C-alpha atoms as a PDB file:
ATOM      1  CA  UNK A   1      -9.723 -28.097 -16.766  1.00  0.00           C
ATOM      2  CA  UNK A   2      -8.816 -27.071 -13.239  1.00  0.00           C
ATOM      3  CA  UNK A   3      -9.940 -28.640  -9.997  1.00  0.00           C
ATOM      4  CA  UNK A   4     -10.302 -26.310  -7.046  1.00  0.00           C
ATOM      5  CA  UNK A   5     -11.229 -27.342  -3.508  1.00  0.00           C
ATOM      6  CA  UNK A   6     -12.539 -24.892  -0.977  1.00  0.00           C
ATOM      7  CA  UNK A   7     -13.202 -25.841   2.633  1.00  0.00           C
ATOM      8  CA  UNK A   8     -14.823 -23.477   5.033  1.00  0.00           C
ATOM      9  CA  UNK A   9     -15.247 -23.895   8.768  1.00  0.00           C
ATOM     10  CA  UNK A  10     -18.380 -22.370  10.078  1.00  0.00           C
ATOM     11  CA  UNK A  11     -19.382 -21.500  13.608  1.00  0.00           C
ATOM     12  CA  UNK A  12     -23.027 -21.788  14.462  1.00  0.00           C
ATOM     13  CA  UNK A  13     -24.452 -21.088  17.859  1.00  0.00           C
ATOM     14  CA  UNK A  14     -27.262 -23.344  18.950  1.00  0.00           C
ATOM     15  CA  UNK A  15     -29.429 -21.864  21.658  1.00  0.00           C
ATOM     16  CA  UNK A  16     -32.025 -23.728  23.660  1.00  0.00           C
ATOM     17  CA  UNK A  17     -34.040 -22.875  26.738  1.00  0.00           C
ATOM     18  CA  UNK A  18     -32.038 -25.340  28.842  1.00  0.00           C
ATOM     19  CA  UNK A  19     -28.506 -24.464  27.765  1.00  0.00           C
ATOM     20  CA  UNK A  20     -26.312 -22.463  25.449  1.00  0.00           C
ATOM     21  CA  UNK A  21     -23.656 -24.334  23.547  1.00  0.00           C
ATOM     22  CA  UNK A  22     -21.474 -23.674  20.507  1.00  0.00           C
ATOM     23  CA  UNK A  23     -21.067 -26.227  17.774  1.00  0.00           C
ATOM     24  CA  UNK A  24     -18.442 -26.125  15.029  1.00  0.00           C
ATOM     25  CA  UNK A  25     -19.745 -27.395  11.687  1.00  0.00           C
ATOM     26  CA  UNK A  26     -17.512 -28.421   8.818  1.00  0.00           C
ATOM     27  CA  UNK A  27     -18.705 -27.928   5.266  1.00  0.00           C
ATOM     28  CA  UNK A  28     -16.728 -29.185   2.265  1.00  0.00           C
ATOM     29  CA  UNK A  29     -17.286 -27.669  -1.145  1.00  0.00           C
ATOM     30  CA  UNK A  30     -15.404 -28.349  -4.347  1.00  0.00           C
ATOM     31  CA  UNK A  31     -15.495 -26.107  -7.385  1.00  0.00           C
ATOM     32  CA  UNK A  32     -14.415 -27.270 -10.824  1.00  0.00           C
ATOM     33  CA  UNK A  33     -14.249 -25.260 -14.026  1.00  0.00           C
ATOM     34  CA  UNK A  34     -14.930 -27.474 -17.046  1.00  0.00           C
ATOM     35  CA  UNK A  35     -14.769 -25.462 -20.237  1.00  0.00           C
ATOM     36  CA  UNK A  36     -17.513 -22.865 -19.906  1.00  0.00           C
ATOM     37  CA  UNK A  37     -19.206 -24.469 -16.879  1.00  0.00           C
ATOM     38  CA  UNK A  38     -18.728 -23.925 -13.161  1.00  0.00           C
ATOM     39  CA  UNK A  39     -19.379 -27.221 -11.361  1.00  0.00           C
ATOM     40  CA  UNK A  40     -20.066 -27.032  -7.617  1.00  0.00           C
ATOM     41  CA  UNK A  41     -20.158 -30.007  -5.266  1.00  0.00           C
ATOM     42  CA  UNK A  42     -21.198 -29.503  -1.635  1.00  0.00           C
ATOM     43  CA  UNK A  43     -21.886 -31.864   1.262  1.00  0.00           C
ATOM     44  CA  UNK A  44     -25.524 -32.557   2.079  1.00  0.00           C
ATOM     45  CA  UNK A  45     -26.644 -31.837   5.622  1.00  0.00           C
ATOM     46  CA  UNK A  46     -29.428 -33.214   7.773  1.00  0.00           C
ATOM     47  CA  UNK A  47     -32.514 -31.109   6.853  1.00  0.00           C
ATOM     48  CA  UNK A  48     -32.822 -28.197   9.286  1.00  0.00           C
ATOM     49  CA  UNK A  49     -35.309 -25.311   9.405  1.00  0.00           C
ATOM     50  CA  UNK A  50     -34.321 -22.140   7.563  1.00  0.00           C
ATOM     51  CA  UNK A  51     -34.236 -18.804   9.385  1.00  0.00           C
ATOM     52  CA  UNK A  52     -37.833 -18.100   8.357  1.00  0.00           C
ATOM     53  CA  UNK A  53     -38.956 -21.651   9.113  1.00  0.00           C
ATOM     54  CA  UNK A  54     -40.672 -21.992   5.722  1.00  0.00           C
ATOM     55  CA  UNK A  55     -38.194 -24.504   4.268  1.00  0.00           C
ATOM     56  CA  UNK A  56     -35.674 -27.138   5.354  1.00  0.00           C
ATOM     57  CA  UNK A  57     -32.055 -26.396   4.379  1.00  0.00           C
ATOM     58  CA  UNK A  58     -30.153 -29.438   3.028  1.00  0.00           C
ATOM     59  CA  UNK A  59     -26.940 -27.687   1.889  1.00  0.00           C
ATOM     60  CA  UNK A  60     -25.585 -24.192   2.393  1.00  0.00           C
ATOM     61  CA  UNK A  61     -22.400 -22.142   2.338  1.00  0.00           C
ATOM     62  CA  UNK A  62     -23.920 -20.034   5.167  1.00  0.00           C
ATOM     63  CA  UNK A  63     -23.158 -16.847   3.288  1.00  0.00           C
ATOM     64  CA  UNK A  64     -20.720 -15.984   0.542  1.00  0.00           C
ATOM     65  CA  UNK A  65     -17.524 -18.032   0.170  1.00  0.00           C
ATOM     66  CA  UNK A  66     -14.594 -16.834  -1.932  1.00  0.00           C
ATOM     67  CA  UNK A  67     -13.036 -19.750  -3.825  1.00  0.00           C
ATOM     68  CA  UNK A  68      -9.686 -20.131  -5.519  1.00  0.00           C
ATOM     69  CA  UNK A  69     -11.487 -20.616  -8.849  1.00  0.00           C
ATOM     70  CA  UNK A  70     -10.910 -17.662 -11.134  1.00  0.00           C
ATOM     71  CA  UNK A  71     -12.738 -16.105 -14.060  1.00  0.00           C
ATOM     72  CA  UNK A  72     -10.910 -13.333 -15.930  1.00  0.00           C
ATOM     73  CA  UNK A  73      -8.247 -13.448 -13.210  1.00  0.00           C
ATOM     74  CA  UNK A  74     -10.758 -12.690 -10.438  1.00  0.00           C
ATOM     75  CA  UNK A  75     -11.840 -15.111  -7.681  1.00  0.00           C
ATOM     76  CA  UNK A  76     -15.307 -16.617  -7.910  1.00  0.00           C
ATOM     77  CA  UNK A  77     -17.536 -16.011  -4.872  1.00  0.00           C
ATOM     78  CA  UNK A  78     -20.306 -18.532  -4.210  1.00  0.00           C
ATOM     79  CA  UNK A  79     -23.380 -18.123  -2.012  1.00  0.00           C
ATOM     80  CA  UNK A  80     -25.393 -21.330  -2.140  1.00  0.00           C
ATOM     81  CA  UNK A  81     -28.574 -22.497  -0.414  1.00  0.00           C
ATOM     82  CA  UNK A  82     -30.333 -25.757  -1.258  1.00  0.00           C
ATOM     83  CA  UNK A  83     -33.609 -26.553   0.452  1.00  0.00           C
ATOM     84  CA  UNK A  84     -36.738 -28.666   0.422  1.00  0.00           C
ATOM     85  CA  UNK A  85     -40.294 -27.758   1.319  1.00  0.00           C
ATOM     86  CA  UNK A  86     -41.674 -29.548   4.372  1.00  0.00           C
END
């Protein structure tokens, strides 16, 4: 069993009619390979509208993230979105 931690800093630009400001978000994700299972743990976020506005995102890697976990000697890439319906 190996325990792998992957942290990714993400930049997201928040735009409003009154002002433009940049906010740095920190997302922690841990990946653990247990036998034949890939276990992913990711921080929950405050529900926020998705790009389409149809759902509320509660956890996301904001794109693909390459981890240090390996399968057949190759790094595992994870793209994860968790959401709820309003």
